[in-house]
Amino acid sequence: MKPDSVPVYSPLAVVTRITASVLLFVYLCWWLRDRDVDGLHSASHLTHWVGKALSVLYDLPLVSFIGYTPSVEVDPSLSPQLFLERVNFRFFMGETVFCQTPGVKAIIERYTDGTVAVLHGILNQKRITDAVSTADRDQQRADLGVGEEETLLVYVGRLVPVKNPIGAVEVLSELSSEYALAIVGDGDEREAVEQAVREYGVENRVQICGALPHEEALATISAADALVLPSHTESYPTVVFEALTLNTAVFVTPVGIVPTIDHPRLHVDSLDEFPRLITETRIESSDGLDTGTLERFSMERYTNGLLDAFERLHRNEKHSRGSLS
């Protein structure tokens, strides 16, 4: 909906995204004219108005989803994002609204008369299960040159400034020699990361794996003792929930919805505190899946919640029509 080279909320990006949403609305008006549709689902800040307008025009139930929002920040400041969010909350939400944190739920409830509920769902259950079933943890660690007595940290993500991969190298440099780091990912910061590895003198403790297929990345996370996520900005970082599902501890900066998640293997703090936090934490990694965590954050959970919402709306609609007749 915008050129890749343009920042998300630059004036040009906003104009192009609004234009794209208007064109989407026009197209869907044409597309819906001769189709039998039971409901609408909106999940993007710039298309919530499209879903609301279509639901009114075609008398269709609408279920909205709010993912990342400036409201998850500790002290959100006035910004185009926050303004757009509050306009959406006030005017363009469906009869049912799903979000990802209790705090955001409370804010949405101040603006809309719809039913608001917390619903997670981001993990591909089959892909994670398949990856674990074929992974050999000991072999994976051996391939990375990690001994039995070493603690393996892993960074998984694009090598770009906003993800702060150099931060992972800095953290390792402040830990003792029993800690090693595998970096999975590629991007514009790769040369800078390699330079940081040399400058901090940790070449013998860092393995830069490059971009890996998803299943291999999952296997690497499963083989690690802890995931390190030093990002400056995130919304709903999938890799955090993948690691928790794979029985891997997670050390992450307070970004996006992460501070609102309660999990015994999730450790949230500023990057400066990572070395102390990692050292003081008793890391107990293990093979296999944490099935409870997988179910809690699986796509299936979200899909089932969405379908249940539409079924309730249809039942209520039939009941209302029956009462009127």
C-alpha atoms as a PDB file:
ATOM      1  CA  MET A   1       0.000   0.000   0.000  1.00  0.00           C
ATOM      2  CA  LYS A   2       3.098   2.251  -0.044  1.00  0.00           C
ATOM      3  CA  PRO A   3       6.553   2.238  -1.652  1.00  0.00           C
ATOM      4  CA  ASP A   4       8.934   0.032   0.375  1.00  0.00           C
ATOM      5  CA  SER A   5      11.498   2.827   0.598  1.00  0.00           C
ATOM      6  CA  VAL A   6       9.055   5.250   2.245  1.00  0.00           C
ATOM      7  CA  PRO A   7       8.701   5.344   6.076  1.00  0.00           C
ATOM      8  CA  VAL A   8       5.323   4.060   7.280  1.00  0.00           C
ATOM      9  CA  TYR A   9       3.972   7.366   8.581  1.00  0.00           C
ATOM     10  CA  SER A  10       5.658   9.868   6.274  1.00  0.00           C
ATOM     11  CA  PRO A  11       3.193  12.223   4.492  1.00  0.00           C
ATOM     12  CA  LEU A  12       3.704  10.421   1.173  1.00  0.00           C
ATOM     13  CA  ALA A  13       3.092   7.011   2.767  1.00  0.00           C
ATOM     14  CA  VAL A  14      -0.093   8.205   4.472  1.00  0.00           C
ATOM     15  CA  VAL A  15      -1.420   9.680   1.223  1.00  0.00           C
ATOM     16  CA  THR A  16      -0.683   6.532  -0.771  1.00  0.00           C
ATOM     17  CA  ARG A  17      -2.192   4.278   1.892  1.00  0.00           C
ATOM     18  CA  ILE A  18      -5.359   6.381   2.150  1.00  0.00           C
ATOM     19  CA  THR A  19      -5.654   6.369  -1.633  1.00  0.00           C
ATOM     20  CA  ALA A  20      -5.250   2.591  -1.638  1.00  0.00           C
ATOM     21  CA  SER A  21      -7.982   2.220   1.008  1.00  0.00           C
ATOM     22  CA  VAL A  22     -10.378   4.351  -1.071  1.00  0.00           C
ATOM     23  CA  LEU A  23      -9.668   2.239  -4.146  1.00  0.00           C
ATOM     24  CA  LEU A  24     -10.204  -0.894  -2.042  1.00  0.00           C
ATOM     25  CA  PHE A  25     -13.577   0.431  -0.906  1.00  0.00           C
ATOM     26  CA  VAL A  26     -14.668   1.146  -4.470  1.00  0.00           C
ATOM     27  CA  TYR A  27     -13.521  -2.285  -5.635  1.00  0.00           C
ATOM     28  CA  LEU A  28     -15.293  -4.097  -2.770  1.00  0.00           C
ATOM     29  CA  CYS A  29     -18.509  -2.179  -3.439  1.00  0.00           C
ATOM     30  CA  TRP A  30     -18.371  -3.534  -6.991  1.00  0.00           C
ATOM     31  CA  TRP A  31     -17.281  -7.033  -5.859  1.00  0.00           C
ATOM     32  CA  LEU A  32     -20.031  -7.397  -3.246  1.00  0.00           C
ATOM     33  CA  ARG A  33     -22.896  -6.344  -5.507  1.00  0.00           C
ATOM     34  CA  ASP A  34     -23.663  -9.889  -6.704  1.00  0.00           C
ATOM     35  CA  ARG A  35     -22.079 -12.060  -3.984  1.00  0.00           C
ATOM     36  CA  ASP A  36     -23.565 -13.703  -0.913  1.00  0.00           C
ATOM     37  CA  VAL A  37     -21.359 -12.704   2.036  1.00  0.00           C
ATOM     38  CA  ASP A  38     -22.098 -13.523   5.681  1.00  0.00           C
ATOM     39  CA  GLY A  39     -19.756 -11.109   7.431  1.00  0.00           C
ATOM     40  CA  LEU A  40     -16.807  -8.718   7.278  1.00  0.00           C
ATOM     41  CA  HIS A  41     -13.526  -8.672   9.185  1.00  0.00           C
ATOM     42  CA  SER A  42     -11.293  -5.593   9.411  1.00  0.00           C
ATOM     43  CA  ALA A  43      -7.786  -5.723  10.854  1.00  0.00           C
ATOM     44  CA  SER A  44      -5.922  -2.627   9.635  1.00  0.00           C
ATOM     45  CA  HIS A  45      -6.055   0.961  10.913  1.00  0.00           C
ATOM     46  CA  LEU A  46      -6.447   2.347   7.389  1.00  0.00           C
ATOM     47  CA  THR A  47      -9.156  -0.098   6.348  1.00  0.00           C
ATOM     48  CA  HIS A  48     -11.386  -0.144   9.431  1.00  0.00           C
ATOM     49  CA  TRP A  49     -13.467   2.610   7.837  1.00  0.00           C
ATOM     50  CA  VAL A  50     -13.832   0.423   4.735  1.00  0.00           C
ATOM     51  CA  GLY A  51     -15.203  -2.456   6.782  1.00  0.00           C
ATOM     52  CA  LYS A  52     -17.592  -0.178   8.700  1.00  0.00           C
ATOM     53  CA  ALA A  53     -18.918   1.519   5.556  1.00  0.00           C
ATOM     54  CA  LEU A  54     -19.461  -1.812   3.800  1.00  0.00           C
ATOM     55  CA  SER A  55     -21.179  -3.301   6.842  1.00  0.00           C
ATOM     56  CA  VAL A  56     -23.648  -0.404   6.850  1.00  0.00           C
ATOM     57  CA  LEU A  57     -24.193  -0.421   3.076  1.00  0.00           C
ATOM     58  CA  TYR A  58     -24.730  -4.177   2.843  1.00  0.00           C
ATOM     59  CA  ASP A  59     -26.166  -4.779   6.339  1.00  0.00           C
ATOM     60  CA  LEU A  60     -23.417  -7.241   7.244  1.00  0.00           C
ATOM     61  CA  PRO A  61     -21.969  -8.056  10.680  1.00  0.00           C
ATOM     62  CA  LEU A  62     -18.484  -6.634  11.221  1.00  0.00           C
ATOM     63  CA  VAL A  63     -15.766  -8.016  13.498  1.00  0.00           C
ATOM     64  CA  SER A  64     -12.744  -5.753  14.010  1.00  0.00           C
ATOM     65  CA  PHE A  65      -9.250  -6.586  15.193  1.00  0.00           C
ATOM     66  CA  ILE A  66      -6.799  -4.141  16.776  1.00  0.00           C
ATOM     67  CA  GLY A  67      -3.223  -5.386  16.671  1.00  0.00           C
ATOM     68  CA  TYR A  68      -0.393  -2.972  17.423  1.00  0.00           C
ATOM     69  CA  THR A  69      -1.544   0.400  18.691  1.00  0.00           C
ATOM     70  CA  PRO A  70       0.192   3.409  20.250  1.00  0.00           C
ATOM     71  CA  SER A  71      -2.004   2.770  23.291  1.00  0.00           C
ATOM     72  CA  VAL A  72       0.337  -0.043  24.373  1.00  0.00           C
ATOM     73  CA  GLU A  73       3.050   2.524  25.066  1.00  0.00           C
ATOM     74  CA  VAL A  74       3.518   3.453  28.721  1.00  0.00           C
ATOM     75  CA  ASP A  75       2.901   7.136  28.009  1.00  0.00           C
ATOM     76  CA  PRO A  76       1.559   7.502  24.444  1.00  0.00           C
ATOM     77  CA  SER A  77       2.170  10.949  22.971  1.00  0.00           C
ATOM     78  CA  LEU A  78      -0.044  12.743  20.476  1.00  0.00           C
ATOM     79  CA  SER A  79       0.839  11.509  17.001  1.00  0.00           C
ATOM     80  CA  PRO A  80      -0.853  10.784  13.651  1.00  0.00           C
ATOM     81  CA  GLN A  81      -0.971   7.106  14.637  1.00  0.00           C
ATOM     82  CA  LEU A  82      -2.685   7.828  17.956  1.00  0.00           C
ATOM     83  CA  PHE A  83      -5.159  10.226  16.332  1.00  0.00           C
ATOM     84  CA  LEU A  84      -6.055   7.702  13.632  1.00  0.00           C
ATOM     85  CA  GLU A  85      -6.467   5.011  16.262  1.00  0.00           C
ATOM     86  CA  ARG A  86      -8.899   7.032  18.365  1.00  0.00           C
ATOM     87  CA  VAL A  87     -10.948   7.983  15.278  1.00  0.00           C
ATOM     88  CA  ASN A  88     -11.189   4.283  14.446  1.00  0.00           C
ATOM     89  CA  PHE A  89     -12.181   3.401  18.005  1.00  0.00           C
ATOM     90  CA  ARG A  90     -14.910   6.047  18.015  1.00  0.00           C
ATOM     91  CA  PHE A  91     -16.464   5.585  14.577  1.00  0.00           C
ATOM     92  CA  PHE A  92     -15.303   2.485  12.719  1.00  0.00           C
ATOM     93  CA  MET A  93     -15.353  -0.524  15.040  1.00  0.00           C
ATOM     94  CA  GLY A  94     -17.560  -3.567  14.468  1.00  0.00           C
ATOM     95  CA  GLU A  95     -20.149  -5.135  16.747  1.00  0.00           C
ATOM     96  CA  THR A  96     -17.320  -7.282  18.132  1.00  0.00           C
ATOM     97  CA  VAL A  97     -13.749  -6.028  18.570  1.00  0.00           C
ATOM     98  CA  PHE A  98     -10.751  -8.228  19.341  1.00  0.00           C
ATOM     99  CA  CYS A  99      -7.450  -6.888  20.682  1.00  0.00           C
ATOM    100  CA  GLN A 100      -4.326  -8.323  22.290  1.00  0.00           C
ATOM    101  CA  THR A 101      -4.022  -6.699  25.705  1.00  0.00           C
ATOM    102  CA  PRO A 102      -6.344  -5.869  28.625  1.00  0.00           C
ATOM    103  CA  GLY A 103      -5.083  -2.274  28.603  1.00  0.00           C
ATOM    104  CA  VAL A 104      -6.062  -1.695  24.992  1.00  0.00           C
ATOM    105  CA  LYS A 105      -9.380  -3.443  25.656  1.00  0.00           C
ATOM    106  CA  ALA A 106     -10.164  -0.920  28.385  1.00  0.00           C
ATOM    107  CA  ILE A 107      -9.348   1.998  26.065  1.00  0.00           C
ATOM    108  CA  ILE A 108     -11.480   0.691  23.186  1.00  0.00           C
ATOM    109  CA  GLU A 109     -14.401   0.153  25.552  1.00  0.00           C
ATOM    110  CA  ARG A 110     -14.374   3.880  26.352  1.00  0.00           C
ATOM    111  CA  TYR A 111     -14.998   4.706  22.690  1.00  0.00           C
ATOM    112  CA  THR A 112     -17.272   2.001  21.291  1.00  0.00           C
ATOM    113  CA  ASP A 113     -20.510   0.295  22.272  1.00  0.00           C
ATOM    114  CA  GLY A 114     -19.379  -2.998  20.726  1.00  0.00           C
ATOM    115  CA  THR A 115     -18.251  -6.082  22.598  1.00  0.00           C
ATOM    116  CA  VAL A 116     -14.475  -5.962  23.186  1.00  0.00           C
ATOM    117  CA  ALA A 117     -12.407  -9.041  24.047  1.00  0.00           C
ATOM    118  CA  VAL A 118      -8.732 -10.018  24.281  1.00  0.00           C
ATOM    119  CA  LEU A 119      -7.767 -12.681  21.743  1.00  0.00           C
ATOM    120  CA  HIS A 120      -4.269 -13.860  20.844  1.00  0.00           C
ATOM    121  CA  GLY A 121      -3.312 -15.803  17.751  1.00  0.00           C
ATOM    122  CA  ILE A 122      -0.117 -15.605  15.728  1.00  0.00           C
ATOM    123  CA  LEU A 123       1.639 -18.991  15.752  1.00  0.00           C
ATOM    124  CA  ASN A 124       1.443 -21.549  12.942  1.00  0.00           C
ATOM    125  CA  GLN A 125       0.837 -24.657  15.022  1.00  0.00           C
ATOM    126  CA  LYS A 126       1.568 -27.193  12.293  1.00  0.00           C
ATOM    127  CA  ARG A 127       4.792 -25.531  11.198  1.00  0.00           C
ATOM    128  CA  ILE A 128       6.125 -25.367  14.748  1.00  0.00           C
ATOM    129  CA  THR A 129       5.099 -28.954  15.512  1.00  0.00           C
ATOM    130  CA  ASP A 130       6.709 -30.228  12.306  1.00  0.00           C
ATOM    131  CA  ALA A 131       9.930 -28.329  12.984  1.00  0.00           C
ATOM    132  CA  VAL A 132      10.254 -29.770  16.489  1.00  0.00           C
ATOM    133  CA  SER A 133       9.473 -33.314  15.358  1.00  0.00           C
ATOM    134  CA  THR A 134      12.424 -33.297  12.921  1.00  0.00           C
ATOM    135  CA  ALA A 135      14.899 -31.226  14.954  1.00  0.00           C
ATOM    136  CA  ASP A 136      17.968 -32.742  16.578  1.00  0.00           C
ATOM    137  CA  ARG A 137      18.906 -30.363  19.385  1.00  0.00           C
ATOM    138  CA  ASP A 138      22.310 -31.889  20.138  1.00  0.00           C
ATOM    139  CA  GLN A 139      23.302 -31.951  16.473  1.00  0.00           C
ATOM    140  CA  GLN A 140      22.114 -28.392  15.990  1.00  0.00           C
ATOM    141  CA  ARG A 141      24.260 -27.171  18.857  1.00  0.00           C
ATOM    142  CA  ALA A 142      27.226 -29.177  17.591  1.00  0.00           C
ATOM    143  CA  ASP A 143      26.821 -27.606  14.126  1.00  0.00           C
ATOM    144  CA  LEU A 144      26.958 -24.195  15.786  1.00  0.00           C
ATOM    145  CA  GLY A 145      30.131 -25.166  17.637  1.00  0.00           C
ATOM    146  CA  VAL A 146      28.519 -24.967  21.071  1.00  0.00           C
ATOM    147  CA  GLY A 147      29.710 -27.283  23.812  1.00  0.00           C
ATOM    148  CA  GLU A 148      27.557 -28.980  26.433  1.00  0.00           C
ATOM    149  CA  GLU A 149      28.652 -26.574  29.163  1.00  0.00           C
ATOM    150  CA  GLU A 150      28.052 -23.433  27.106  1.00  0.00           C
ATOM    151  CA  THR A 151      24.906 -21.319  27.168  1.00  0.00           C
ATOM    152  CA  LEU A 152      23.666 -20.601  23.652  1.00  0.00           C
ATOM    153  CA  LEU A 153      21.886 -17.316  23.014  1.00  0.00           C
ATOM    154  CA  VAL A 154      20.160 -16.722  19.691  1.00  0.00           C
ATOM    155  CA  TYR A 155      19.070 -13.579  17.865  1.00  0.00           C
ATOM    156  CA  VAL A 156      16.462 -14.106  15.130  1.00  0.00           C
ATOM    157  CA  GLY A 157      15.356 -11.214  12.949  1.00  0.00           C
ATOM    158  CA  ARG A 158      16.261  -8.852  10.177  1.00  0.00           C
ATOM    159  CA  LEU A 159      19.637  -7.187  10.516  1.00  0.00           C
ATOM    160  CA  VAL A 160      18.311  -3.634  10.419  1.00  0.00           C
ATOM    161  CA  PRO A 161      18.728  -0.702  12.853  1.00  0.00           C
ATOM    162  CA  VAL A 162      15.209  -0.901  14.338  1.00  0.00           C
ATOM    163  CA  LYS A 163      15.848  -4.538  15.345  1.00  0.00           C
ATOM    164  CA  ASN A 164      19.190  -3.536  16.913  1.00  0.00           C
ATOM    165  CA  PRO A 165      21.163  -6.732  16.176  1.00  0.00           C
ATOM    166  CA  ILE A 166      24.359  -5.014  17.298  1.00  0.00           C
ATOM    167  CA  GLY A 167      22.743  -4.834  20.742  1.00  0.00           C
ATOM    168  CA  ALA A 168      22.853  -8.635  20.912  1.00  0.00           C
ATOM    169  CA  VAL A 169      26.605  -8.567  20.234  1.00  0.00           C
ATOM    170  CA  GLU A 170      27.092  -5.898  22.892  1.00  0.00           C
ATOM    171  CA  VAL A 171      25.226  -8.018  25.433  1.00  0.00           C
ATOM    172  CA  LEU A 172      27.355 -11.061  24.642  1.00  0.00           C
ATOM    173  CA  SER A 173      30.536  -9.022  25.049  1.00  0.00           C
ATOM    174  CA  GLU A 174      29.559  -8.314  28.674  1.00  0.00           C
ATOM    175  CA  LEU A 175      28.962 -11.983  29.470  1.00  0.00           C
ATOM    176  CA  SER A 176      31.568 -14.558  30.411  1.00  0.00           C
ATOM    177  CA  SER A 177      33.171 -16.897  27.890  1.00  0.00           C
ATOM    178  CA  GLU A 178      30.681 -19.690  28.640  1.00  0.00           C
ATOM    179  CA  TYR A 179      28.063 -17.796  26.611  1.00  0.00           C
ATOM    180  CA  ALA A 180      27.816 -18.040  22.807  1.00  0.00           C
ATOM    181  CA  LEU A 181      25.570 -16.271  20.303  1.00  0.00           C
ATOM    182  CA  ALA A 182      23.982 -17.413  17.031  1.00  0.00           C
ATOM    183  CA  ILE A 183      22.614 -14.657  14.789  1.00  0.00           C
ATOM    184  CA  VAL A 184      19.901 -15.763  12.367  1.00  0.00           C
ATOM    185  CA  GLY A 185      18.887 -13.241   9.733  1.00  0.00           C
ATOM    186  CA  ASP A 186      20.216 -10.925   7.071  1.00  0.00           C
ATOM    187  CA  GLY A 187      19.863  -7.294   6.084  1.00  0.00           C
ATOM    188  CA  ASP A 188      21.544  -3.932   5.628  1.00  0.00           C
ATOM    189  CA  GLU A 189      23.244  -4.098   9.023  1.00  0.00           C
ATOM    190  CA  ARG A 190      25.125  -7.326   8.376  1.00  0.00           C
ATOM    191  CA  GLU A 191      28.484  -5.645   7.756  1.00  0.00           C
ATOM    192  CA  ALA A 192      27.975  -3.463  10.837  1.00  0.00           C
ATOM    193  CA  VAL A 193      27.201  -6.575  12.896  1.00  0.00           C
ATOM    194  CA  GLU A 194      30.324  -8.327  11.620  1.00  0.00           C
ATOM    195  CA  GLN A 195      32.369  -5.244  12.445  1.00  0.00           C
ATOM    196  CA  ALA A 196      30.895  -5.114  15.963  1.00  0.00           C
ATOM    197  CA  VAL A 197      31.808  -8.785  16.477  1.00  0.00           C
ATOM    198  CA  ARG A 198      35.416  -7.959  15.612  1.00  0.00           C
ATOM    199  CA  GLU A 199      35.539  -4.753  17.674  1.00  0.00           C
ATOM    200  CA  TYR A 200      34.203  -6.506  20.777  1.00  0.00           C
ATOM    201  CA  GLY A 201      36.608  -9.408  20.276  1.00  0.00           C
ATOM    202  CA  VAL A 202      33.957 -12.138  20.360  1.00  0.00           C
ATOM    203  CA  GLU A 203      34.622 -13.762  16.960  1.00  0.00           C
ATOM    204  CA  ASN A 204      35.099 -17.177  18.577  1.00  0.00           C
ATOM    205  CA  ARG A 205      31.721 -16.930  20.361  1.00  0.00           C
ATOM    206  CA  VAL A 206      29.461 -15.626  17.576  1.00  0.00           C
ATOM    207  CA  GLN A 207      28.055 -17.585  14.640  1.00  0.00           C
ATOM    208  CA  ILE A 208      26.352 -15.477  11.949  1.00  0.00           C
ATOM    209  CA  CYS A 209      24.028 -17.931  10.214  1.00  0.00           C
ATOM    210  CA  GLY A 210      22.428 -15.593   7.694  1.00  0.00           C
ATOM    211  CA  ALA A 211      18.808 -15.949   6.616  1.00  0.00           C
ATOM    212  CA  LEU A 212      17.436 -19.463   7.200  1.00  0.00           C
ATOM    213  CA  PRO A 213      14.215 -21.194   6.120  1.00  0.00           C
ATOM    214  CA  HIS A 214      11.577 -20.862   8.825  1.00  0.00           C
ATOM    215  CA  GLU A 215      11.830 -24.470   9.993  1.00  0.00           C
ATOM    216  CA  GLU A 216      15.616 -24.186  10.360  1.00  0.00           C
ATOM    217  CA  ALA A 217      15.226 -20.933  12.286  1.00  0.00           C
ATOM    218  CA  LEU A 218      12.746 -22.653  14.611  1.00  0.00           C
ATOM    219  CA  ALA A 219      15.152 -25.557  15.078  1.00  0.00           C
ATOM    220  CA  THR A 220      17.911 -23.094  16.017  1.00  0.00           C
ATOM    221  CA  ILE A 221      15.649 -21.408  18.562  1.00  0.00           C
ATOM    222  CA  SER A 222      14.753 -24.807  19.990  1.00  0.00           C
ATOM    223  CA  ALA A 223      18.446 -25.702  20.315  1.00  0.00           C
ATOM    224  CA  ALA A 224      19.268 -22.434  22.079  1.00  0.00           C
ATOM    225  CA  ASP A 225      19.049 -21.781  25.794  1.00  0.00           C
ATOM    226  CA  ALA A 226      17.657 -18.277  25.342  1.00  0.00           C
ATOM    227  CA  LEU A 227      16.414 -15.882  22.683  1.00  0.00           C
ATOM    228  CA  VAL A 228      17.696 -12.302  22.860  1.00  0.00           C
ATOM    229  CA  LEU A 229      15.518  -9.601  21.288  1.00  0.00           C
ATOM    230  CA  PRO A 230      17.102  -6.133  21.681  1.00  0.00           C
ATOM    231  CA  SER A 231      14.671  -4.305  19.335  1.00  0.00           C
ATOM    232  CA  HIS A 232      13.958  -0.592  19.588  1.00  0.00           C
ATOM    233  CA  THR A 233      10.431  -1.087  18.205  1.00  0.00           C
ATOM    234  CA  GLU A 234       8.132  -4.090  17.784  1.00  0.00           C
ATOM    235  CA  SER A 235       4.385  -4.600  17.760  1.00  0.00           C
ATOM    236  CA  TYR A 236       3.599  -8.303  18.264  1.00  0.00           C
ATOM    237  CA  PRO A 237       6.963 -10.055  17.800  1.00  0.00           C
ATOM    238  CA  THR A 238       6.191 -13.568  16.555  1.00  0.00           C
ATOM    239  CA  VAL A 239       9.643 -14.877  17.387  1.00  0.00           C
ATOM    240  CA  VAL A 240       9.071 -14.206  21.101  1.00  0.00           C
ATOM    241  CA  PHE A 241       6.035 -16.483  21.179  1.00  0.00           C
ATOM    242  CA  GLU A 242       7.733 -19.087  18.998  1.00  0.00           C
ATOM    243  CA  ALA A 243      10.614 -19.254  21.474  1.00  0.00           C
ATOM    244  CA  LEU A 244       8.301 -19.538  24.477  1.00  0.00           C
ATOM    245  CA  THR A 245       6.467 -22.366  22.716  1.00  0.00           C
ATOM    246  CA  LEU A 246       9.794 -24.107  22.068  1.00  0.00           C
ATOM    247  CA  ASN A 247      10.678 -24.068  25.792  1.00  0.00           C
ATOM    248  CA  THR A 248      13.336 -21.411  25.214  1.00  0.00           C
ATOM    249  CA  ALA A 249      13.791 -18.507  27.620  1.00  0.00           C
ATOM    250  CA  VAL A 250      13.322 -15.022  26.163  1.00  0.00           C
ATOM    251  CA  PHE A 251      15.083 -11.767  27.099  1.00  0.00           C
ATOM    252  CA  VAL A 252      13.416  -8.838  25.373  1.00  0.00           C
ATOM    253  CA  THR A 253      13.238  -5.073  25.595  1.00  0.00           C
ATOM    254  CA  PRO A 254       9.841  -3.594  26.643  1.00  0.00           C
ATOM    255  CA  VAL A 255       8.410  -3.181  23.138  1.00  0.00           C
ATOM    256  CA  GLY A 256       4.904  -3.547  21.721  1.00  0.00           C
ATOM    257  CA  ILE A 257       2.607  -5.840  23.669  1.00  0.00           C
ATOM    258  CA  VAL A 258       5.463  -7.794  25.272  1.00  0.00           C
ATOM    259  CA  PRO A 259       5.311  -6.039  28.683  1.00  0.00           C
ATOM    260  CA  THR A 260       1.655  -7.072  29.017  1.00  0.00           C
ATOM    261  CA  ILE A 261       2.359 -10.799  28.573  1.00  0.00           C
ATOM    262  CA  ASP A 262       2.734 -12.916  31.686  1.00  0.00           C
ATOM    263  CA  HIS A 263       4.903 -15.999  31.139  1.00  0.00           C
ATOM    264  CA  PRO A 264       7.508 -17.649  33.410  1.00  0.00           C
ATOM    265  CA  ARG A 265      10.160 -17.823  30.653  1.00  0.00           C
ATOM    266  CA  LEU A 266       9.652 -14.232  29.476  1.00  0.00           C
ATOM    267  CA  HIS A 267      12.082 -11.661  30.910  1.00  0.00           C
ATOM    268  CA  VAL A 268      11.504  -8.011  29.978  1.00  0.00           C
ATOM    269  CA  ASP A 269      13.937  -5.224  30.786  1.00  0.00           C
ATOM    270  CA  SER A 270      16.071  -2.508  29.215  1.00  0.00           C
ATOM    271  CA  LEU A 271      18.994  -3.643  27.084  1.00  0.00           C
ATOM    272  CA  ASP A 272      21.474  -2.304  29.647  1.00  0.00           C
ATOM    273  CA  GLU A 273      20.085  -4.781  32.162  1.00  0.00           C
ATOM    274  CA  PHE A 274      20.316  -7.830  29.875  1.00  0.00           C
ATOM    275  CA  PRO A 275      23.794  -9.001  31.004  1.00  0.00           C
ATOM    276  CA  ARG A 276      22.776  -8.906  34.672  1.00  0.00           C
ATOM    277  CA  LEU A 277      19.354 -10.411  33.973  1.00  0.00           C
ATOM    278  CA  ILE A 278      20.778 -13.260  31.885  1.00  0.00           C
ATOM    279  CA  THR A 279      23.460 -14.026  34.449  1.00  0.00           C
ATOM    280  CA  GLU A 280      21.051 -14.049  37.387  1.00  0.00           C
ATOM    281  CA  THR A 281      18.327 -16.070  35.644  1.00  0.00           C
ATOM    282  CA  ARG A 282      18.342 -19.820  36.037  1.00  0.00           C
ATOM    283  CA  ILE A 283      17.823 -20.821  32.415  1.00  0.00           C
ATOM    284  CA  GLU A 284      16.261 -24.243  32.057  1.00  0.00           C
ATOM    285  CA  SER A 285      15.739 -25.036  28.401  1.00  0.00           C
ATOM    286  CA  SER A 286      14.370 -28.373  27.235  1.00  0.00           C
ATOM    287  CA  ASP A 287      13.328 -30.303  24.158  1.00  0.00           C
ATOM    288  CA  GLY A 288       9.794 -30.520  22.866  1.00  0.00           C
ATOM    289  CA  LEU A 289       6.859 -28.153  22.903  1.00  0.00           C
ATOM    290  CA  ASP A 290       5.103 -26.139  25.538  1.00  0.00           C
ATOM    291  CA  THR A 291       1.662 -27.138  24.273  1.00  0.00           C
ATOM    292  CA  GLY A 292      -0.148 -24.758  26.613  1.00  0.00           C
ATOM    293  CA  THR A 293       1.726 -21.756  25.222  1.00  0.00           C
ATOM    294  CA  LEU A 294       1.271 -22.995  21.653  1.00  0.00           C
ATOM    295  CA  GLU A 295      -2.481 -23.279  22.134  1.00  0.00           C
ATOM    296  CA  ARG A 296      -2.665 -19.886  23.835  1.00  0.00           C
ATOM    297  CA  PHE A 297      -1.009 -18.034  20.941  1.00  0.00           C
ATOM    298  CA  SER A 298      -1.928 -20.229  17.955  1.00  0.00           C
ATOM    299  CA  MET A 299      -3.618 -19.014  14.774  1.00  0.00           C
ATOM    300  CA  GLU A 300      -6.255 -21.659  15.384  1.00  0.00           C
ATOM    301  CA  ARG A 301      -7.231 -19.938  18.627  1.00  0.00           C
ATOM    302  CA  TYR A 302      -7.727 -16.671  16.787  1.00  0.00           C
ATOM    303  CA  THR A 303      -9.620 -18.308  13.921  1.00  0.00           C
ATOM    304  CA  ASN A 304     -11.950 -20.134  16.307  1.00  0.00           C
ATOM    305  CA  GLY A 305     -12.577 -16.934  18.243  1.00  0.00           C
ATOM    306  CA  LEU A 306     -13.370 -15.095  15.028  1.00  0.00           C
ATOM    307  CA  LEU A 307     -15.786 -17.784  13.838  1.00  0.00           C
ATOM    308  CA  ASP A 308     -17.488 -17.903  17.237  1.00  0.00           C
ATOM    309  CA  ALA A 309     -17.990 -14.138  17.085  1.00  0.00           C
ATOM    310  CA  PHE A 310     -19.650 -14.325  13.670  1.00  0.00           C
ATOM    311  CA  GLU A 311     -21.902 -17.167  14.852  1.00  0.00           C
ATOM    312  CA  ARG A 312     -23.012 -15.102  17.864  1.00  0.00           C
ATOM    313  CA  LEU A 313     -23.718 -12.074  15.673  1.00  0.00           C
ATOM    314  CA  HIS A 314     -25.791 -14.160  13.260  1.00  0.00           C
ATOM    315  CA  ARG A 315     -27.746 -15.716  16.139  1.00  0.00           C
ATOM    316  CA  ASN A 316     -28.430 -12.289  17.602  1.00  0.00           C
ATOM    317  CA  GLU A 317     -29.490 -10.971  14.199  1.00  0.00           C
ATOM    318  CA  LYS A 318     -31.941 -13.851  13.699  1.00  0.00           C
ATOM    319  CA  HIS A 319     -33.299 -13.363  17.203  1.00  0.00           C
ATOM    320  CA  SER A 320     -33.806  -9.643  16.596  1.00  0.00           C
ATOM    321  CA  ARG A 321     -35.613 -10.253  13.312  1.00  0.00           C
ATOM    322  CA  GLY A 322     -37.782 -12.885  14.986  1.00  0.00           C
ATOM    323  CA  SER A 323     -38.722 -10.445  17.748  1.00  0.00           C
ATOM    324  CA  LEU A 324     -39.675  -7.773  15.199  1.00  0.00           C
ATOM    325  CA  SER A 325     -41.884 -10.153  13.243  1.00  0.00           C
END
